[in-house]
Amino acid sequence: EIVEFQKIVGGLAELVDQLAKAAESEKMKAIGARNFLKSIAKQREAQEQQLQALIAEKKMQLERYRVEYEALCKIEADQNEFIDQFIFQK
């Protein structure tokens, strides 16, 4: 009976070891997945910051172009007025 008991206990210990190894393996997979998701989140955050900076840069560029366009429109209007005055003087 002792030999049979030792076999049962040995089998049980082996089963517990296998379950412990499987649990540790799943734990490592979960940690790896969590770290991967954190890394993706950080990458997306960095990408979002880059895009926000690009948007701000493009808005500033658009404002510069708008100011330049308005200045050119004023110059064009002044030149057209000058041409009209010159034509009417002749």
N, C-alpha and C. Protein backbone atom coordinates (compact mmCIF):
# COMPACT_ATOMS: atom_id res chain seq x y z
N GLU A 1 0.81 -1.19 0.00
CA GLU A 1 0.00 0.00 0.00
C GLU A 1 0.86 1.27 0.00
N ILE A 2 1.96 1.22 0.66
CA ILE A 2 2.85 2.38 0.72
C ILE A 2 3.41 2.68 -0.68
N VAL A 3 3.77 1.64 -1.40
CA VAL A 3 4.30 1.82 -2.75
C VAL A 3 3.23 2.44 -3.64
N GLU A 4 2.01 1.95 -3.53
CA GLU A 4 0.91 2.49 -4.33
C GLU A 4 0.65 3.95 -3.93
N PHE A 5 0.70 4.23 -2.64
CA PHE A 5 0.50 5.60 -2.15
C PHE A 5 1.61 6.51 -2.70
N GLN A 6 2.85 6.02 -2.71
CA GLN A 6 3.98 6.80 -3.23
C GLN A 6 3.80 7.06 -4.72
N LYS A 7 3.28 6.08 -5.46
CA LYS A 7 3.03 6.28 -6.89
C LYS A 7 1.96 7.36 -7.09
N ILE A 8 0.90 7.30 -6.29
CA ILE A 8 -0.17 8.29 -6.41
C ILE A 8 0.36 9.69 -6.07
N VAL A 9 1.11 9.76 -4.98
CA VAL A 9 1.68 11.05 -4.56
C VAL A 9 2.67 11.55 -5.61
N GLY A 10 3.48 10.65 -6.16
CA GLY A 10 4.44 11.04 -7.20
C GLY A 10 3.71 11.55 -8.43
N GLY A 11 2.63 10.85 -8.84
CA GLY A 11 1.83 11.30 -9.98
C GLY A 11 1.19 12.65 -9.71
N LEU A 12 0.70 12.82 -8.51
CA LEU A 12 0.08 14.08 -8.13
C LEU A 12 1.11 15.22 -8.14
N ALA A 13 2.30 14.94 -7.62
CA ALA A 13 3.36 15.96 -7.61
C ALA A 13 3.76 16.31 -9.03
N GLU A 14 3.83 15.33 -9.90
CA GLU A 14 4.18 15.58 -11.31
C GLU A 14 3.10 16.42 -11.98
N LEU A 15 1.83 16.10 -11.70
CA LEU A 15 0.71 16.86 -12.25
C LEU A 15 0.73 18.30 -11.76
N VAL A 16 1.02 18.48 -10.47
CA VAL A 16 1.10 19.83 -9.89
C VAL A 16 2.25 20.60 -10.55
N ASP A 17 3.39 19.95 -10.77
CA ASP A 17 4.52 20.61 -11.44
C ASP A 17 4.14 21.03 -12.86
N GLN A 18 3.45 20.16 -13.58
CA GLN A 18 3.02 20.49 -14.94
C GLN A 18 2.06 21.69 -14.94
N LEU A 19 1.13 21.66 -14.00
CA LEU A 19 0.19 22.79 -13.91
C LEU A 19 0.90 24.08 -13.53
N ALA A 20 1.89 23.99 -12.65
CA ALA A 20 2.65 25.17 -12.26
C ALA A 20 3.42 25.73 -13.46
N LYS A 21 4.01 24.82 -14.26
CA LYS A 21 4.74 25.27 -15.46
C LYS A 21 3.78 25.91 -16.46
N ALA A 22 2.60 25.31 -16.64
CA ALA A 22 1.62 25.86 -17.57
C ALA A 22 1.14 27.23 -17.08
N ALA A 23 0.90 27.35 -15.77
CA ALA A 23 0.46 28.63 -15.20
C ALA A 23 1.55 29.69 -15.37
N GLU A 24 2.79 29.31 -15.15
CA GLU A 24 3.90 30.26 -15.32
C GLU A 24 4.02 30.69 -16.78
N SER A 25 3.85 29.74 -17.68
CA SER A 25 3.90 30.05 -19.11
C SER A 25 2.80 31.03 -19.49
N GLU A 26 1.58 30.79 -19.02
CA GLU A 26 0.47 31.69 -19.32
C GLU A 26 0.69 33.06 -18.69
N LYS A 27 1.27 33.07 -17.51
CA LYS A 27 1.58 34.34 -16.83
C LYS A 27 2.55 35.15 -17.67
N MET A 28 3.59 34.49 -18.18
CA MET A 28 4.58 35.19 -19.02
C MET A 28 3.94 35.70 -20.31
N LYS A 29 3.05 34.90 -20.89
CA LYS A 29 2.35 35.35 -22.10
C LYS A 29 1.52 36.59 -21.80
N ALA A 30 0.83 36.57 -20.66
CA ALA A 30 0.00 37.71 -20.28
C ALA A 30 0.85 38.96 -20.05
N ILE A 31 1.98 38.79 -19.38
CA ILE A 31 2.89 39.93 -19.14
C ILE A 31 3.39 40.47 -20.47
N GLY A 32 3.77 39.56 -21.37
CA GLY A 32 4.24 39.98 -22.69
C GLY A 32 3.17 40.73 -23.46
N ALA A 33 1.94 40.23 -23.41
CA ALA A 33 0.83 40.90 -24.11
C ALA A 33 0.57 42.28 -23.51
N ARG A 34 0.61 42.37 -22.18
CA ARG A 34 0.39 43.65 -21.52
C ARG A 34 1.48 44.66 -21.92
N ASN A 35 2.72 44.21 -21.91
CA ASN A 35 3.83 45.10 -22.29
C ASN A 35 3.70 45.53 -23.75
N PHE A 36 3.27 44.60 -24.60
CA PHE A 36 3.08 44.92 -26.02
C PHE A 36 2.00 45.98 -26.18
N LEU A 37 0.90 45.85 -25.47
CA LEU A 37 -0.18 46.83 -25.55
C LEU A 37 0.26 48.19 -25.03
N LYS A 38 1.05 48.19 -23.95
CA LYS A 38 1.58 49.46 -23.43
C LYS A 38 2.46 50.12 -24.47
N SER A 39 3.28 49.32 -25.12
CA SER A 39 4.19 49.86 -26.13
C SER A 39 3.40 50.44 -27.31
N ILE A 40 2.34 49.75 -27.73
CA ILE A 40 1.51 50.26 -28.82
C ILE A 40 0.84 51.57 -28.39
N ALA A 41 0.36 51.62 -27.16
CA ALA A 41 -0.29 52.84 -26.67
C ALA A 41 0.70 54.00 -26.67
N LYS A 42 1.93 53.75 -26.25
CA LYS A 42 2.94 54.81 -26.24
C LYS A 42 3.27 55.26 -27.66
N GLN A 43 3.34 54.30 -28.59
CA GLN A 43 3.62 54.65 -29.98
C GLN A 43 2.50 55.50 -30.55
N ARG A 44 1.26 55.14 -30.24
CA ARG A 44 0.12 55.93 -30.74
C ARG A 44 0.12 57.32 -30.13
N GLU A 45 0.47 57.41 -28.86
CA GLU A 45 0.53 58.72 -28.21
C GLU A 45 1.60 59.59 -28.85
N ALA A 46 2.76 58.99 -29.12
CA ALA A 46 3.84 59.74 -29.78
C ALA A 46 3.41 60.17 -31.18
N GLN A 47 2.75 59.27 -31.89
CA GLN A 47 2.28 59.59 -33.25
C GLN A 47 1.24 60.72 -33.19
N GLU A 48 0.36 60.66 -32.20
CA GLU A 48 -0.65 61.71 -32.06
C GLU A 48 0.01 63.05 -31.79
N GLN A 49 1.03 63.06 -30.94
CA GLN A 49 1.75 64.31 -30.65
C GLN A 49 2.42 64.85 -31.91
N GLN A 50 3.01 63.95 -32.70
CA GLN A 50 3.65 64.38 -33.94
C GLN A 50 2.62 64.98 -34.89
N LEU A 51 1.47 64.33 -34.99
CA LEU A 51 0.43 64.84 -35.87
C LEU A 51 -0.13 66.18 -35.38
N GLN A 52 -0.26 66.32 -34.06
CA GLN A 52 -0.73 67.60 -33.51
C GLN A 52 0.27 68.72 -33.83
N ALA A 53 1.56 68.39 -33.71
CA ALA A 53 2.60 69.38 -34.04
C ALA A 53 2.54 69.74 -35.53
N LEU A 54 2.32 68.74 -36.37
CA LEU A 54 2.23 68.98 -37.81
C LEU A 54 1.00 69.84 -38.13
N ILE A 55 -0.10 69.57 -37.46
CA ILE A 55 -1.32 70.37 -37.66
C ILE A 55 -1.06 71.82 -37.27
N ALA A 56 -0.41 72.02 -36.13
CA ALA A 56 -0.10 73.38 -35.69
C ALA A 56 0.80 74.09 -36.69
N GLU A 57 1.79 73.36 -37.19
CA GLU A 57 2.71 73.94 -38.19
C GLU A 57 1.95 74.33 -39.46
N LYS A 58 1.06 73.45 -39.91
CA LYS A 58 0.30 73.72 -41.14
C LYS A 58 -0.67 74.88 -40.93
N LYS A 59 -1.23 75.01 -39.72
CA LYS A 59 -2.11 76.13 -39.44
C LYS A 59 -1.34 77.45 -39.51
N MET A 60 -0.13 77.45 -38.95
CA MET A 60 0.70 78.65 -39.00
C MET A 60 1.05 78.99 -40.45
N GLN A 61 1.38 77.97 -41.23
CA GLN A 61 1.71 78.17 -42.64
C GLN A 61 0.49 78.73 -43.38
N LEU A 62 -0.68 78.17 -43.10
CA LEU A 62 -1.91 78.65 -43.72
C LEU A 62 -2.16 80.12 -43.37
N GLU A 63 -1.93 80.49 -42.13
CA GLU A 63 -2.12 81.88 -41.72
C GLU A 63 -1.13 82.80 -42.44
N ARG A 64 0.11 82.34 -42.58
CA ARG A 64 1.10 83.15 -43.33
C ARG A 64 0.65 83.33 -44.78
N TYR A 65 0.17 82.25 -45.38
CA TYR A 65 -0.30 82.34 -46.77
C TYR A 65 -1.52 83.25 -46.88
N ARG A 66 -2.41 83.21 -45.89
CA ARG A 66 -3.59 84.07 -45.91
C ARG A 66 -3.19 85.54 -45.85
N VAL A 67 -2.25 85.85 -44.95
CA VAL A 67 -1.77 87.23 -44.82
C VAL A 67 -1.09 87.68 -46.11
N GLU A 68 -0.27 86.79 -46.67
CA GLU A 68 0.42 87.12 -47.92
C GLU A 68 -0.60 87.33 -49.05
N TYR A 69 -1.62 86.47 -49.11
CA TYR A 69 -2.65 86.60 -50.14
C TYR A 69 -3.38 87.93 -50.02
N GLU A 70 -3.74 88.29 -48.79
CA GLU A 70 -4.43 89.57 -48.58
C GLU A 70 -3.55 90.74 -49.00
N ALA A 71 -2.25 90.65 -48.69
CA ALA A 71 -1.33 91.72 -49.09
C ALA A 71 -1.24 91.80 -50.61
N LEU A 72 -1.17 90.65 -51.26
CA LEU A 72 -1.10 90.64 -52.72
C LEU A 72 -2.39 91.15 -53.36
N CYS A 73 -3.52 90.83 -52.75
CA CYS A 73 -4.80 91.35 -53.25
C CYS A 73 -4.83 92.87 -53.15
N LYS A 74 -4.32 93.41 -52.06
CA LYS A 74 -4.29 94.86 -51.89
C LYS A 74 -3.36 95.49 -52.93
N ILE A 75 -2.21 94.86 -53.17
CA ILE A 75 -1.28 95.38 -54.17
C ILE A 75 -1.95 95.34 -55.55
N GLU A 76 -2.63 94.24 -55.84
CA GLU A 76 -3.32 94.12 -57.13
C GLU A 76 -4.38 95.22 -57.27
N ALA A 77 -5.15 95.45 -56.22
CA ALA A 77 -6.18 96.49 -56.27
C ALA A 77 -5.55 97.86 -56.48
N ASP A 78 -4.45 98.13 -55.79
CA ASP A 78 -3.75 99.41 -55.95
C ASP A 78 -3.24 99.56 -57.38
N GLN A 79 -2.68 98.50 -57.93
CA GLN A 79 -2.16 98.56 -59.29
C GLN A 79 -3.29 98.74 -60.31
N ASN A 80 -4.39 98.04 -60.09
CA ASN A 80 -5.54 98.21 -61.00
C ASN A 80 -6.08 99.63 -60.94
N GLU A 81 -6.12 100.19 -59.73
CA GLU A 81 -6.58 101.57 -59.58
C GLU A 81 -5.64 102.52 -60.29
N PHE A 82 -4.33 102.27 -60.16
CA PHE A 82 -3.34 103.11 -60.83
C PHE A 82 -3.51 103.02 -62.34
N ILE A 83 -3.72 101.80 -62.85
CA ILE A 83 -3.89 101.61 -64.31
C ILE A 83 -5.15 102.33 -64.78
N ASP A 84 -6.24 102.18 -64.00
CA ASP A 84 -7.48 102.86 -64.39
C ASP A 84 -7.29 104.38 -64.41
N GLN A 85 -6.62 104.93 -63.42
CA GLN A 85 -6.37 106.37 -63.38
C GLN A 85 -5.49 106.81 -64.56
N PHE A 86 -4.51 106.01 -64.89
CA PHE A 86 -3.60 106.32 -65.98
C PHE A 86 -4.35 106.31 -67.31
N ILE A 87 -5.26 105.33 -67.48
CA ILE A 87 -6.03 105.23 -68.72
C ILE A 87 -6.98 106.41 -68.83
N PHE A 88 -7.64 106.79 -67.75
CA PHE A 88 -8.59 107.90 -67.80
C PHE A 88 -7.90 109.24 -68.01
N GLN A 89 -6.62 109.36 -67.66
CA GLN A 89 -5.90 110.63 -67.85
C GLN A 89 -5.56 110.83 -69.32
N LYS A 90 -5.50 109.79 -70.10
CA LYS A 90 -5.11 109.94 -71.51
C LYS A 90 -6.25 110.38 -72.35
